[in-house]
C-alpha atoms as a PDB file:
ATOM      1  CA  ILE A   1     110.733  59.143  48.731  1.00  0.00           C
ATOM      2  CA  GLY A   2     113.884  57.753  48.023  1.00  0.00           C
ATOM      3  CA  ILE A   3     116.655  60.149  49.054  1.00  0.00           C
ATOM      4  CA  MET A   4     114.426  60.246  52.174  1.00  0.00           C
ATOM      5  CA  GLY A   5     114.918  56.634  52.913  1.00  0.00           C
ATOM      6  CA  PHE A   6     118.358  57.262  52.589  1.00  0.00           C
ATOM      7  CA  PHE A   7     117.809  59.521  55.424  1.00  0.00           C
ATOM      8  CA  ALA A   8     116.238  57.652  57.853  1.00  0.00           C
ATOM      9  CA  TRP A   9     118.309  54.864  57.506  1.00  0.00           C
ATOM     10  CA  LEU A  10     121.198  57.630  58.511  1.00  0.00           C
ATOM     11  CA  LEU A  11     119.243  58.818  61.180  1.00  0.00           C
ATOM     12  CA  GLY A  12     118.846  55.316  62.440  1.00  0.00           C
ATOM     13  CA  MET A  13     122.324  54.207  62.602  1.00  0.00           C
ATOM     14  CA  THR A  14     123.966  57.338  64.229  1.00  0.00           C
ATOM     15  CA  GLY A  15     120.777  56.998  66.393  1.00  0.00           C
ATOM     16  CA  LEU A  16     122.314  53.715  67.708  1.00  0.00           C
ATOM     17  CA  LEU A  17     125.565  55.118  67.280  1.00  0.00           C
ATOM     18  CA  LEU A  18     124.042  57.684  70.248  1.00  0.00           C
ATOM     19  CA  ASN A  19     122.255  54.897  72.207  1.00  0.00           C
ATOM     20  CA  TYR A  20     125.192  52.609  72.050  1.00  0.00           C
ATOM     21  CA  SER A  21     127.759  55.333  73.295  1.00  0.00           C
ATOM     22  CA  VAL A  22     124.893  56.526  76.264  1.00  0.00           C
ATOM     23  CA  MET A  23     124.565  53.434  77.864  1.00  0.00           C
ATOM     24  CA  TYR A  24     128.047  51.973  77.860  1.00  0.00           C
ATOM     25  CA  LEU A  25     130.896  54.890  77.663  1.00  0.00           C
ATOM     26  CA  VAL A  26     127.612  56.773  80.570  1.00  0.00           C
ATOM     27  CA  VAL A  27     125.738  54.912  82.595  1.00  0.00           C
ATOM     28  CA  GLY A  28     127.374  51.546  82.479  1.00  0.00           C
ATOM     29  CA  MET A  29     131.256  53.437  82.284  1.00  0.00           C
ATOM     30  CA  GLY A  30     131.708  51.685  85.745  1.00  0.00           C
ATOM     31  CA  ASP A  31     130.780  48.327  84.318  1.00  0.00           C
ATOM     32  CA  LEU A  32     132.708  48.386  81.202  1.00  0.00           C
ATOM     33  CA  VAL A  33     135.827  49.651  83.756  1.00  0.00           C
ATOM     34  CA  LEU A  34     135.548  46.949  85.813  1.00  0.00           C
ATOM     35  CA  LYS A  35     134.804  44.126  82.788  1.00  0.00           C
ATOM     36  CA  GLY A  36     135.676  45.530  79.558  1.00  0.00           C
ATOM     37  CA  GLY A  37     139.706  44.867  80.620  1.00  0.00           C
ATOM     38  CA  PHE A  38     140.595  48.628  81.103  1.00  0.00           C
ATOM     39  CA  GLY A  39     140.829  49.086  85.274  1.00  0.00           C
ATOM     40  CA  VAL A  40     144.043  46.765  84.848  1.00  0.00           C
ATOM     41  CA  PRO A  41     145.701  49.196  82.596  1.00  0.00           C
ATOM     42  CA  ILE A  42     144.422  51.762  84.669  1.00  0.00           C
ATOM     43  CA  ASP A  43     145.466  51.218  87.597  1.00  0.00           C
ATOM     44  CA  THR A  44     149.122  49.974  86.641  1.00  0.00           C
ATOM     45  CA  LEU A  45     149.858  53.321  85.029  1.00  0.00           C
ATOM     46  CA  TRP A  46     148.414  55.218  87.579  1.00  0.00           C
ATOM     47  CA  THR A  47     150.784  53.354  89.932  1.00  0.00           C
ATOM     48  CA  LEU A  48     153.797  54.083  87.506  1.00  0.00           C
ATOM     49  CA  ILE A  49     153.175  58.307  88.174  1.00  0.00           C
ATOM     50  CA  ARG A  50     152.485  57.957  90.972  1.00  0.00           C
ATOM     51  CA  ASN A  51     155.633  56.628  91.936  1.00  0.00           C
ATOM     52  CA  LEU A  52     157.137  59.446  89.542  1.00  0.00           C
ATOM     53  CA  VAL A  53     155.240  61.882  91.296  1.00  0.00           C
ATOM     54  CA  ASN A  54     156.661  60.995  94.674  1.00  0.00           C
ATOM     55  CA  LEU A  55     160.401  61.239  93.904  1.00  0.00           C
ATOM     56  CA  SER A  56     159.313  64.640  93.152  1.00  0.00           C
ATOM     57  CA  PHE A  57     158.459  64.483  97.218  1.00  0.00           C
ATOM     58  CA  ILE A  58     161.762  63.234  98.608  1.00  0.00           C
ATOM     59  CA  PHE A  59     163.378  65.848  96.462  1.00  0.00           C
ATOM     60  CA  ALA A  60     161.037  68.276  97.939  1.00  0.00           C
ATOM     61  CA  LEU A  61     161.910  66.767 101.361  1.00  0.00           C
ATOM     62  CA  ILE A  62     165.758  67.262 100.436  1.00  0.00           C
ATOM     63  CA  TYR A  63     165.092  70.727  99.139  1.00  0.00           C
ATOM     64  CA  ILE A  64     162.652  71.895 102.238  1.00  0.00           C
ATOM     65  CA  GLY A  65     165.452  70.558 104.099  1.00  0.00           C
ATOM     66  CA  ILE A  66     168.338  71.787 103.262  1.00  0.00           C
ATOM     67  CA  THR A  67     166.992  75.000 103.094  1.00  0.00           C
ATOM     68  CA  THR A  68     165.631  74.361 107.004  1.00  0.00           C
ATOM     69  CA  ILE A  69     169.936  74.034 107.335  1.00  0.00           C
ATOM     70  CA  ILE A  70     171.205  76.874 105.773  1.00  0.00           C
ATOM     71  CA  GLY A  71     168.530  79.054 106.381  1.00  0.00           C
ATOM     72  CA  SER A  72     167.836  80.577 104.224  1.00  0.00           C
ATOM     73  CA  HIS A  73     163.412  81.631 103.957  1.00  0.00           C
ATOM     74  CA  ALA A  74     163.292  79.381 107.080  1.00  0.00           C
ATOM     75  CA  SER A  75     159.412  80.567 107.144  1.00  0.00           C
ATOM     76  CA  HIS A  76     159.301  79.374 103.641  1.00  0.00           C
ATOM     77  CA  ALA A  77     160.234  76.164 104.140  1.00  0.00           C
ATOM     78  CA  LYS A  78     158.255  75.217 106.755  1.00  0.00           C
ATOM     79  CA  SER A  79     155.111  76.387 104.914  1.00  0.00           C
ATOM     80  CA  LEU A  80     156.119  74.516 101.742  1.00  0.00           C
ATOM     81  CA  LEU A  81     156.306  71.705 104.212  1.00  0.00           C
ATOM     82  CA  ILE A  82     152.908  71.546 105.025  1.00  0.00           C
ATOM     83  CA  SER A  83     151.652  71.860 101.214  1.00  0.00           C
ATOM     84  CA  VAL A  84     154.115  68.909  99.978  1.00  0.00           C
ATOM     85  CA  ILE A  85     152.711  67.073 102.729  1.00  0.00           C
ATOM     86  CA  ILE A  86     149.352  67.855 101.912  1.00  0.00           C
ATOM     87  CA  SER A  87     150.031  67.350  98.906  1.00  0.00           C
ATOM     88  CA  ALA A  88     151.569  63.634  99.319  1.00  0.00           C
ATOM     89  CA  LEU A  89     148.517  62.670 100.677  1.00  0.00           C
ATOM     90  CA  LEU A  90     146.518  63.431  97.829  1.00  0.00           C
ATOM     91  CA  VAL A  91     148.017  62.080  95.287  1.00  0.00           C
ATOM     92  CA  ASN A  92     148.090  58.816  96.787  1.00  0.00           C
ATOM     93  CA  PHE A  93     144.140  58.374  97.018  1.00  0.00           C
ATOM     94  CA  SER A  94     144.310  61.084  93.333  1.00  0.00           C
ATOM     95  CA  LEU A  95     142.710  58.038  91.388  1.00  0.00           C
ATOM     96  CA  PHE A  96     139.440  57.477  94.671  1.00  0.00           C
ATOM     97  CA  PHE A  97     138.615  61.472  94.175  1.00  0.00           C
ATOM     98  CA  ALA A  98     139.496  60.912  90.411  1.00  0.00           C
ATOM     99  CA  LYS A  99     136.727  57.883  90.509  1.00  0.00           C
ATOM    100  CA  ALA A 100     134.390  59.629  92.485  1.00  0.00           C
ATOM    101  CA  THR A 101     134.215  62.233  90.753  1.00  0.00           C
ATOM    102  CA  ILE A 102     133.535  60.398  87.926  1.00  0.00           C
ATOM    103  CA  ASP A 103     131.127  58.337  89.654  1.00  0.00           C
ATOM    104  CA  VAL A 104     128.817  61.667  90.976  1.00  0.00           C
ATOM    105  CA  SER A 105     128.736  63.030  87.954  1.00  0.00           C
ATOM    106  CA  ASN A 106     127.685  59.621  86.038  1.00  0.00           C
ATOM    107  CA  ILE A 107     124.607  59.104  88.496  1.00  0.00           C
ATOM    108  CA  ILE A 108     123.432  61.953  87.590  1.00  0.00           C
ATOM    109  CA  ALA A 109     123.604  61.699  84.043  1.00  0.00           C
ATOM    110  CA  ASP A 110     121.785  58.086  84.660  1.00  0.00           C
ATOM    111  CA  ALA A 111     119.343  59.756  86.926  1.00  0.00           C
ATOM    112  CA  ILE A 112     118.266  61.922  84.180  1.00  0.00           C
ATOM    113  CA  TYR A 113     118.897  58.846  81.279  1.00  0.00           C
ATOM    114  CA  LYS A 114     115.690  56.500  83.000  1.00  0.00           C
ATOM    115  CA  LYS A 115     113.296  60.065  82.749  1.00  0.00           C
ATOM    116  CA  MET A 116     114.367  60.409  78.796  1.00  0.00           C
ATOM    117  CA  VAL A 117     113.599  56.437  77.982  1.00  0.00           C
ATOM    118  CA  LYS A 118     111.287  54.031  78.140  1.00  0.00           C
ATOM    119  CA  ASP A 119     113.666  50.775  79.146  1.00  0.00           C
ATOM    120  CA  PRO A 120     117.080  51.849  80.466  1.00  0.00           C
ATOM    121  CA  ARG A 121     118.655  48.863  79.014  1.00  0.00           C
ATOM    122  CA  ALA A 122     117.710  49.204  75.562  1.00  0.00           C
ATOM    123  CA  SER A 123     119.573  50.209  72.612  1.00  0.00           C
ATOM    124  CA  LYS A 124     117.457  50.149  70.351  1.00  0.00           C
ATOM    125  CA  VAL A 125     116.385  52.665  67.981  1.00  0.00           C
ATOM    126  CA  GLU A 126     112.754  52.633  69.958  1.00  0.00           C
ATOM    127  CA  THR A 127     113.322  52.533  73.235  1.00  0.00           C
ATOM    128  CA  GLY A 128     117.505  54.250  73.570  1.00  0.00           C
ATOM    129  CA  ILE A 129     118.263  57.871  74.106  1.00  0.00           C
ATOM    130  CA  SER A 130     117.514  58.782  70.792  1.00  0.00           C
ATOM    131  CA  SER A 131     114.279  57.633  70.148  1.00  0.00           C
ATOM    132  CA  ALA A 132     113.080  60.836  73.305  1.00  0.00           C
ATOM    133  CA  PHE A 133     114.401  63.441  70.806  1.00  0.00           C
ATOM    134  CA  MET A 134     112.635  61.448  67.509  1.00  0.00           C
ATOM    135  CA  ASP A 135     109.041  61.695  69.595  1.00  0.00           C
ATOM    136  CA  LYS A 136     109.342  64.695  69.454  1.00  0.00           C
ATOM    137  CA  LEU A 137     109.809  66.358  66.532  1.00  0.00           C
ATOM    138  CA  GLY A 138     108.092  63.306  65.076  1.00  0.00           C
ATOM    139  CA  VAL A 139     110.117  61.280  62.811  1.00  0.00           C
ATOM    140  CA  LYS A 140     110.621  58.007  64.687  1.00  0.00           C
ATOM    141  CA  PRO A 141     107.939  56.712  61.617  1.00  0.00           C
ATOM    142  CA  LEU A 142     109.902  57.122  59.101  1.00  0.00           C
ATOM    143  CA  ILE A 143     112.840  55.183  61.261  1.00  0.00           C
ATOM    144  CA  LEU A 144     110.775  52.267  62.197  1.00  0.00           C
ATOM    145  CA  GLY A 145     108.201  52.198  59.444  1.00  0.00           C
ATOM    146  CA  GLY A 146     104.194  52.217  60.448  1.00  0.00           C
ATOM    147  CA  GLY A 147     102.024  51.957  57.511  1.00  0.00           C
ATOM    148  CA  ASP A 148      99.704  53.511  59.965  1.00  0.00           C
ATOM    149  CA  SER A 149     102.046  56.023  61.110  1.00  0.00           C
ATOM    150  CA  ALA A 150     100.078  60.234  60.895  1.00  0.00           C
ATOM    151  CA  VAL A 151     103.020  61.195  59.279  1.00  0.00           C
ATOM    152  CA  GLN A 152     102.705  58.878  56.595  1.00  0.00           C
ATOM    153  CA  LYS A 153      99.388  58.518  55.536  1.00  0.00           C
ATOM    154  CA  ARG A 154      99.761  62.530  55.712  1.00  0.00           C
ATOM    155  CA  LEU A 155     102.660  61.808  52.972  1.00  0.00           C
ATOM    156  CA  GLU A 156     100.139  59.356  50.930  1.00  0.00           C
ATOM    157  CA  LEU A 157      96.648  61.809  50.767  1.00  0.00           C
ATOM    158  CA  ALA A 158      98.604  64.769  49.504  1.00  0.00           C
ATOM    159  CA  MET A 159     100.533  62.119  46.913  1.00  0.00           C
ATOM    160  CA  LYS A 160      97.042  61.336  45.641  1.00  0.00           C
ATOM    161  CA  ASP A 161      95.555  65.269  45.414  1.00  0.00           C
ATOM    162  CA  THR A 162      95.474  66.451  42.177  1.00  0.00           C
ATOM    163  CA  GLU A 163      95.908  69.596  43.557  1.00  0.00           C
ATOM    164  CA  GLY A 164      99.725  70.497  44.799  1.00  0.00           C
ATOM    165  CA  GLY A 165      99.730  67.197  45.538  1.00  0.00           C
ATOM    166  CA  ALA A 166     103.142  66.540  43.849  1.00  0.00           C
ATOM    167  CA  GLY A 167     104.350  70.041  45.417  1.00  0.00           C
ATOM    168  CA  PHE A 168     103.607  69.433  48.630  1.00  0.00           C
ATOM    169  CA  THR A 169     105.141  65.898  48.517  1.00  0.00           C
ATOM    170  CA  ILE A 170     108.626  67.165  46.900  1.00  0.00           C
ATOM    171  CA  LEU A 171     107.881  70.033  50.355  1.00  0.00           C
ATOM    172  CA  TYR A 172     107.420  67.241  52.367  1.00  0.00           C
ATOM    173  CA  THR A 173     110.529  65.340  51.640  1.00  0.00           C
ATOM    174  CA  LEU A 174     112.632  67.847  51.205  1.00  0.00           C
ATOM    175  CA  GLY A 175     111.848  69.849  54.254  1.00  0.00           C
ATOM    176  CA  ALA A 176     112.285  65.537  56.296  1.00  0.00           C
ATOM    177  CA  SER A 177     115.011  65.555  54.697  1.00  0.00           C
ATOM    178  CA  LEU A 178     116.946  68.077  56.408  1.00  0.00           C
ATOM    179  CA  LEU A 179     115.473  67.518  59.218  1.00  0.00           C
ATOM    180  CA  MET A 180     117.344  63.588  59.939  1.00  0.00           C
ATOM    181  CA  PHE A 181     120.141  65.081  58.701  1.00  0.00           C
ATOM    182  CA  LYS A 182     120.322  68.225  61.462  1.00  0.00           C
ATOM    183  CA  LEU A 183     119.406  65.330  63.794  1.00  0.00           C
ATOM    184  CA  ALA A 184     121.478  62.846  62.648  1.00  0.00           C
ATOM    185  CA  PHE A 185     123.883  64.886  62.574  1.00  0.00           C
ATOM    186  CA  ALA A 186     123.023  66.032  66.133  1.00  0.00           C
ATOM    187  CA  PHE A 187     123.549  62.057  67.434  1.00  0.00           C
ATOM    188  CA  GLY A 188     126.701  61.286  66.099  1.00  0.00           C
ATOM    189  CA  LEU A 189     128.036  64.753  67.145  1.00  0.00           C
ATOM    190  CA  GLY A 190     126.811  63.710  70.421  1.00  0.00           C
ATOM    191  CA  ALA A 191     128.198  59.767  70.076  1.00  0.00           C
ATOM    192  CA  PHE A 192     131.705  61.231  69.289  1.00  0.00           C
ATOM    193  CA  LEU A 193     131.959  63.579  72.099  1.00  0.00           C
ATOM    194  CA  LEU A 194     130.547  60.894  74.216  1.00  0.00           C
ATOM    195  CA  ILE A 195     133.443  58.900  72.665  1.00  0.00           C
ATOM    196  CA  ILE A 196     135.897  61.651  73.532  1.00  0.00           C
ATOM    197  CA  ARG A 197     134.595  62.013  77.060  1.00  0.00           C
ATOM    198  CA  PHE A 198     135.382  58.583  77.556  1.00  0.00           C
ATOM    199  CA  VAL A 199     139.095  58.980  76.165  1.00  0.00           C
ATOM    200  CA  MET A 200     140.415  61.621  77.994  1.00  0.00           C
ATOM    201  CA  LEU A 201     138.637  60.738  81.338  1.00  0.00           C
ATOM    202  CA  ILE A 202     140.764  57.298  81.270  1.00  0.00           C
ATOM    203  CA  PHE A 203     143.804  59.599  81.045  1.00  0.00           C
ATOM    204  CA  LEU A 204     142.384  61.941  83.709  1.00  0.00           C
ATOM    205  CA  MET A 205     142.716  59.002  86.020  1.00  0.00           C
ATOM    206  CA  ILE A 206     146.117  57.795  85.020  1.00  0.00           C
ATOM    207  CA  LEU A 207     147.665  60.802  84.847  1.00  0.00           C
ATOM    208  CA  SER A 208     145.036  62.462  88.534  1.00  0.00           C
ATOM    209  CA  PRO A 209     148.492  62.262  90.899  1.00  0.00           C
ATOM    210  CA  ILE A 210     150.581  65.089  88.091  1.00  0.00           C
ATOM    211  CA  ALA A 211     147.673  67.703  88.885  1.00  0.00           C
ATOM    212  CA  PHE A 212     149.303  67.859  92.467  1.00  0.00           C
ATOM    213  CA  LEU A 213     152.500  67.892  91.684  1.00  0.00           C
ATOM    214  CA  PRO A 214     153.360  71.664  91.204  1.00  0.00           C
ATOM    215  CA  GLU A 215     152.354  71.693  94.584  1.00  0.00           C
ATOM    216  CA  MET A 216     154.667  69.445  95.725  1.00  0.00           C
ATOM    217  CA  LEU A 217     157.338  70.676  93.300  1.00  0.00           C
ATOM    218  CA  PRO A 218     159.356  74.151  95.808  1.00  0.00           C
ATOM    219  CA  GLY A 219     158.872  77.615  93.524  1.00  0.00           C
ATOM    220  CA  LEU A 220     155.520  75.731  91.611  1.00  0.00           C
ATOM    221  CA  GLY A 221     152.454  75.551  93.491  1.00  0.00           C
END
């Protein structure tokens, strides 16, 4: 029972980690960015990157001007001018596009999240997103206790049974421990990936102007 208690504790901790990751890094990402101190650094660094990319826009215009004057690849210069102008406009709105895309994905995730959990603003094991998975697998009573649960009654009955009760208890303990370990691994991995997602999205917002840089530099588009 002790080993099963350890895996129950591990599952509870990873469940909480997943609940917090979903609630703050996905559903509440907008509030976290705006009120958590991320907004100003993102805007400042994005402005710096945008200004550097706009320098490339200036060099591209110089290249187009020289090409037009000397009459070399004039048709290419005209088409390049159009792409440079469009890219320059997109660069200056790249942060808006990045935030809008992230918001749409988070809104969809929020709608799915609210369908799965009992209390969308709660992060406890009993009510968070991890609870939805544990309910389906029937392991929540092992996390929350509850002596009246059907699972614990079955275990107590098996322990009292004189015919193979000990064997059933061992198999039940090993099976439940393995199930909780796998579920805890899945919860922990899910939380880790959501943390990585949040960090990557921050960098993508900051570096979003670079996405249009190839179209602005001659020969790279």
